[in-house]
Amino acid sequence: MTQLTVRLRRGARRVPLIGAMFWVIKGLSTALGESTSDWAVHAVAPELAVVVGFVGFVIALVVQFSRQRYVPPAYWFAVVMVGIFGTMAADVMHVALRVPYVASAVLWAVALAVVFVAWFRVEATLSVHDIDTPRREVFYWAAVVSTFALGTALGDVTANTLHLGYPTSAVLYVVVIAVIGLAFALRLIGRTFAFWAAYVMTRPLGASLADWFGKPTDEGGLGVGPASTSLVLAAAIVVLVGVVTVRRSDCSSDDRRERQPDEHRRDVG
């Protein structure tokens, strides 16, 4: 077995590099998760929408875990489906189980904390720059699902429980993300903490913007509608994922070399 084959099976990164394009697509995916969930539960029976969302979520993760390395379409499809199903999971707790938004946020925060504690105890790291084994990827996606559900609940707390409305909530989360970025720049917080804090906050930001555009005017929105909002967001994500797939701009240099094993073998042979 060659050293290249070992890297492909055990050491290839399974998630993208963190850069501007990552945050743009992630933000769009959070908004898409919110608008698509809102559209689905009204287009069909809510129970059916949740089942379909769960099936799509499982399929997306199966596709993602079947990859030996980071593949942009597979990865971002999984993120989108996590966004959709995570939104539904948080909404089910409030609508079906009548759990208050604040309690839902607390429960998902505890769930996220449990994931982080278990992840750190097993791997001794929470870094997203070292997701290069299936076990680490399991912890990664467990954290991602929890952050999406937590972010959904936080967005509902500010927009509905605190009656701030959607645009004000969006501004609030922009400020929070800016504070996180400033704290990181000043080295008051570490890279890993800054990443996960921002990751959580981008969820309610995207959800607030999606609700602002998609909700009817009598509910504080602009009345564009969740279906139209979802179509625009989905188109934008497809274009951007296509760009990073072609350019491989969110892959490390090692990943790019590993995607061309035949050329590599010719070079060394």
Protein backbone atom coordinates (compact mmCIF):
# COMPACT_ATOMS: atom_id res chain seq x y z
CA MET A 1 0.00 0.00 0.00
CA THR A 2 1.52 3.33 -1.06
CA GLN A 3 1.84 6.35 1.20
CA LEU A 4 -0.57 8.21 -1.08
CA THR A 5 -3.25 5.52 -0.60
CA VAL A 6 -2.83 5.73 3.19
CA ARG A 7 -3.37 9.50 3.07
CA LEU A 8 -6.49 9.08 0.95
CA ARG A 9 -8.02 6.59 3.38
CA ARG A 10 -6.94 8.06 6.70
CA GLY A 11 -5.60 11.55 6.34
CA ALA A 12 -7.61 13.42 3.70
CA ARG A 13 -9.57 16.37 5.03
CA ARG A 14 -13.31 15.78 5.07
CA VAL A 15 -14.39 19.42 5.51
CA PRO A 16 -13.46 22.63 3.68
CA LEU A 17 -10.86 25.18 4.66
CA ILE A 18 -12.36 28.09 6.57
CA GLY A 19 -12.36 31.25 4.51
CA ALA A 20 -14.66 33.95 3.19
CA MET A 21 -16.41 31.63 0.72
CA PHE A 22 -17.09 29.12 3.51
CA TRP A 23 -18.92 31.73 5.58
CA VAL A 24 -20.89 33.05 2.60
CA ILE A 25 -22.16 29.61 1.60
CA LYS A 26 -22.78 28.68 5.22
CA GLY A 27 -24.82 31.83 5.75
CA LEU A 28 -26.89 31.15 2.63
CA SER A 29 -27.46 27.54 3.72
CA THR A 30 -28.77 28.65 7.11
CA ALA A 31 -31.24 30.98 5.43
CA LEU A 32 -32.23 28.24 2.97
CA GLY A 33 -32.85 25.81 5.82
CA GLU A 34 -35.25 28.26 7.45
CA SER A 35 -37.18 29.22 4.32
CA THR A 36 -37.41 25.66 2.98
CA SER A 37 -38.65 24.35 6.31
CA ASP A 38 -41.30 27.09 6.45
CA TRP A 39 -42.40 26.30 2.91
CA ALA A 40 -42.47 22.52 3.40
CA VAL A 41 -44.62 22.46 6.53
CA HIS A 42 -47.25 24.56 4.77
CA ALA A 43 -47.04 22.89 1.35
CA VAL A 44 -47.72 19.41 2.75
CA ALA A 45 -48.78 17.94 6.07
CA PRO A 46 -46.23 18.97 8.73
CA GLU A 47 -45.71 15.34 9.77
CA LEU A 48 -44.90 14.35 6.19
CA ALA A 49 -42.57 17.34 5.81
CA VAL A 50 -40.61 16.30 8.91
CA VAL A 51 -40.33 12.68 7.70
CA VAL A 52 -39.15 13.78 4.26
CA GLY A 53 -36.72 16.22 5.86
CA PHE A 54 -35.31 13.46 8.05
CA VAL A 55 -34.93 11.08 5.10
CA GLY A 56 -33.15 13.78 3.11
CA PHE A 57 -30.93 14.49 6.10
CA VAL A 58 -29.96 10.81 6.43
CA ILE A 59 -29.30 10.45 2.69
CA ALA A 60 -27.10 13.56 2.70
CA LEU A 61 -25.00 12.26 5.59
CA VAL A 62 -24.66 8.83 3.98
CA VAL A 63 -23.38 10.48 0.81
CA GLN A 64 -21.01 12.68 2.79
CA PHE A 65 -19.57 9.82 4.85
CA SER A 66 -19.11 7.72 1.73
CA ARG A 67 -16.56 10.22 0.44
CA GLN A 68 -12.90 9.60 1.24
CA ARG A 69 -12.14 13.31 1.31
CA TYR A 70 -13.84 16.70 1.14
CA VAL A 71 -16.07 16.92 -1.95
CA PRO A 72 -17.85 20.32 -2.11
CA PRO A 73 -21.25 19.21 -3.53
CA ALA A 74 -21.54 16.32 -1.04
CA TYR A 75 -20.44 18.43 1.91
CA TRP A 76 -22.70 21.40 1.20
CA PHE A 77 -25.66 19.16 0.38
CA ALA A 78 -25.24 17.73 3.87
CA VAL A 79 -25.06 21.22 5.40
CA VAL A 80 -28.24 22.28 3.59
CA MET A 81 -30.12 19.20 4.74
CA VAL A 82 -28.87 19.69 8.29
CA GLY A 83 -30.21 23.24 8.07
CA ILE A 84 -33.62 22.08 6.89
CA PHE A 85 -33.98 19.22 9.34
CA GLY A 86 -32.38 21.16 12.20
CA THR A 87 -34.97 23.89 11.71
CA MET A 88 -37.75 21.33 11.72
CA ALA A 89 -36.38 19.67 14.87
CA ALA A 90 -36.32 22.97 16.75
CA ASP A 91 -39.78 23.94 15.47
CA VAL A 92 -41.28 20.57 16.40
CA MET A 93 -40.16 21.09 19.99
CA HIS A 94 -42.06 24.38 20.10
CA VAL A 95 -45.13 23.67 17.95
CA ALA A 96 -45.81 19.99 18.65
CA LEU A 97 -44.34 19.62 22.13
CA ARG A 98 -45.11 23.22 23.15
CA VAL A 99 -41.62 23.78 24.54
CA PRO A 100 -40.96 27.52 24.94
CA TYR A 101 -38.29 28.98 22.66
CA VAL A 102 -36.08 29.84 25.64
CA ALA A 103 -36.28 26.31 27.01
CA SER A 104 -35.61 24.91 23.54
CA ALA A 105 -32.51 27.10 23.23
CA VAL A 106 -31.26 25.92 26.62
CA LEU A 107 -31.86 22.26 25.75
CA TRP A 108 -29.98 22.53 22.46
CA ALA A 109 -27.17 24.45 24.16
CA VAL A 110 -26.83 21.58 26.64
CA ALA A 111 -26.87 19.09 23.76
CA LEU A 112 -24.09 21.02 22.02
CA ALA A 113 -22.07 21.16 25.23
CA VAL A 114 -22.43 17.38 25.65
CA VAL A 115 -21.18 16.85 22.09
CA PHE A 116 -18.18 19.12 22.69
CA VAL A 117 -17.28 17.42 25.98
CA ALA A 118 -17.50 13.95 24.43
CA TRP A 119 -15.56 15.07 21.36
CA PHE A 120 -12.77 16.59 23.45
CA ARG A 121 -12.53 13.62 25.80
CA VAL A 122 -12.14 11.22 22.86
CA GLU A 123 -10.05 13.31 20.46
CA ALA A 124 -8.43 15.90 22.76
CA THR A 125 -9.33 18.61 20.23
CA LEU A 126 -12.37 20.44 18.86
CA SER A 127 -10.51 21.85 15.87
CA VAL A 128 -12.31 21.81 12.53
CA HIS A 129 -8.93 21.84 10.82
CA ASP A 130 -8.29 18.22 11.80
CA ILE A 131 -11.45 16.46 10.62
CA ASP A 132 -9.59 13.68 8.84
CA THR A 133 -11.06 10.47 10.28
CA PRO A 134 -14.61 9.07 10.26
CA ARG A 135 -14.82 9.26 14.07
CA ARG A 136 -13.89 12.93 14.14
CA GLU A 137 -16.39 13.57 11.38
CA VAL A 138 -19.15 11.96 13.46
CA PHE A 139 -18.45 14.42 16.27
CA TYR A 140 -18.24 17.27 13.76
CA TRP A 141 -21.68 16.60 12.27
CA ALA A 142 -23.22 16.03 15.70
CA ALA A 143 -21.96 19.49 16.65
CA VAL A 144 -23.21 20.98 13.38
CA VAL A 145 -26.72 19.56 13.87
CA SER A 146 -26.80 20.91 17.44
CA THR A 147 -25.61 24.38 16.35
CA PHE A 148 -28.30 24.60 13.68
CA ALA A 149 -31.06 23.65 16.11
CA LEU A 150 -29.65 25.97 18.79
CA GLY A 151 -29.35 28.83 16.33
CA THR A 152 -32.92 28.31 15.17
CA ALA A 153 -34.17 28.52 18.74
CA LEU A 154 -32.07 31.64 19.45
CA GLY A 155 -33.48 33.35 16.39
CA ASP A 156 -37.03 32.59 17.56
CA VAL A 157 -36.20 33.90 21.05
CA THR A 158 -35.07 37.31 19.80
CA ALA A 159 -37.62 37.69 17.00
CA ASN A 160 -40.69 36.33 18.80
CA THR A 161 -40.17 35.95 22.55
CA LEU A 162 -38.34 39.28 22.91
CA HIS A 163 -40.43 40.84 20.09
CA LEU A 164 -37.42 42.36 18.37
CA GLY A 165 -38.64 41.38 14.92
CA TYR A 166 -36.64 39.89 12.08
CA PRO A 167 -34.55 42.84 10.83
CA THR A 168 -33.59 43.92 14.35
CA SER A 169 -32.67 40.34 15.21
CA ALA A 170 -30.49 40.16 12.10
CA VAL A 171 -28.67 43.35 13.09
CA LEU A 172 -28.20 42.00 16.61
CA TYR A 173 -26.52 38.83 15.33
CA VAL A 174 -24.34 40.79 12.91
CA VAL A 175 -23.09 42.78 15.91
CA VAL A 176 -22.48 39.61 17.93
CA ILE A 177 -20.51 38.03 15.07
CA ALA A 178 -18.49 41.25 14.69
CA VAL A 179 -17.68 41.18 18.42
CA ILE A 180 -16.55 37.55 18.08
CA GLY A 181 -14.33 38.50 15.14
CA LEU A 182 -12.86 41.45 17.04
CA ALA A 183 -12.18 39.31 20.12
CA PHE A 184 -10.38 36.79 17.94
CA ALA A 185 -8.36 39.50 16.20
CA LEU A 186 -7.30 40.86 19.59
CA ARG A 187 -6.41 37.32 20.70
CA LEU A 188 -8.91 37.40 23.53
CA ILE A 189 -10.36 34.08 22.37
CA GLY A 190 -8.84 31.16 20.50
CA ARG A 191 -9.43 30.09 16.93
CA THR A 192 -11.56 27.05 17.78
CA PHE A 193 -13.81 28.92 20.21
CA ALA A 194 -14.18 31.79 17.73
CA PHE A 195 -15.14 29.41 14.94
CA TRP A 196 -17.86 27.58 16.86
CA ALA A 197 -19.24 30.78 18.40
CA ALA A 198 -19.53 32.36 14.96
CA TYR A 199 -20.92 29.12 13.55
CA VAL A 200 -23.75 29.19 16.07
CA MET A 201 -24.50 32.88 15.49
CA THR A 202 -24.65 32.64 11.69
CA ARG A 203 -27.64 30.33 12.06
CA PRO A 204 -30.04 32.83 13.70
CA LEU A 205 -28.64 35.55 11.42
CA GLY A 206 -29.52 33.57 8.30
CA ALA A 207 -32.87 32.51 9.74
CA SER A 208 -33.78 36.09 10.66
CA LEU A 209 -32.99 37.31 7.14
CA ALA A 210 -34.89 34.43 5.53
CA ASP A 211 -37.93 35.08 7.74
CA TRP A 212 -37.74 38.81 7.02
CA PHE A 213 -37.93 38.18 3.28
CA GLY A 214 -40.26 35.20 3.37
CA LYS A 215 -42.84 35.97 6.05
CA PRO A 216 -46.06 37.84 5.21
CA THR A 217 -46.13 41.57 5.90
CA ASP A 218 -48.61 41.12 8.75
CA GLU A 219 -46.02 38.90 10.47
CA GLY A 220 -43.20 41.39 10.11
CA GLY A 221 -41.80 40.14 6.82
CA LEU A 222 -41.55 41.58 3.31
CA GLY A 223 -44.01 39.09 1.84
CA VAL A 224 -41.66 37.57 -0.77
CA GLY A 225 -42.73 34.10 0.33
CA PRO A 226 -40.67 31.11 1.53
CA ALA A 227 -40.84 29.32 -1.84
CA SER A 228 -39.38 32.22 -3.82
CA THR A 229 -36.83 32.91 -1.09
CA SER A 230 -35.76 29.25 -1.12
CA LEU A 231 -35.36 29.17 -4.91
CA VAL A 232 -33.13 32.26 -4.93
CA LEU A 233 -31.00 30.97 -2.05
CA ALA A 234 -30.69 27.50 -3.56
CA ALA A 235 -29.60 28.96 -6.91
CA ALA A 236 -26.96 31.10 -5.20
CA ILE A 237 -25.61 28.11 -3.27
CA VAL A 238 -25.43 25.95 -6.40
CA VAL A 239 -23.45 28.65 -8.22
CA LEU A 240 -21.01 29.21 -5.36
CA VAL A 241 -20.49 25.51 -4.70
CA GLY A 242 -19.82 25.13 -8.41
CA VAL A 243 -17.19 27.86 -8.18
CA VAL A 244 -15.32 26.28 -5.26
CA THR A 245 -15.57 22.86 -6.89
CA VAL A 246 -13.90 24.12 -10.05
CA ARG A 247 -11.35 26.34 -8.34
CA ARG A 248 -10.76 24.03 -5.36
CA SER A 249 -10.21 27.22 -3.41
CA ASP A 250 -11.39 25.70 -0.14
CA CYS A 251 -9.09 22.67 -0.33
CA SER A 252 -5.62 22.48 1.16
CA SER A 253 -2.65 21.99 -1.17
CA ASP A 254 -2.35 18.38 0.03
CA ASP A 255 -6.02 17.73 -0.76
CA ARG A 256 -5.60 19.13 -4.25
CA ARG A 257 -2.63 16.86 -4.88
CA GLU A 258 -4.52 13.87 -3.50
CA ARG A 259 -7.39 14.50 -5.92
CA GLN A 260 -4.97 13.81 -8.77
CA PRO A 261 -3.34 10.49 -7.78
CA ASP A 262 -2.60 9.43 -11.36
CA GLU A 263 -0.69 12.61 -12.13
CA HIS A 264 1.11 12.31 -8.79
CA ARG A 265 2.20 8.77 -9.59
CA ARG A 266 3.47 9.83 -13.01
CA ASP A 267 5.47 12.66 -11.45
CA VAL A 268 7.20 10.43 -8.91
CA GLY A 269 7.50 7.46 -11.23
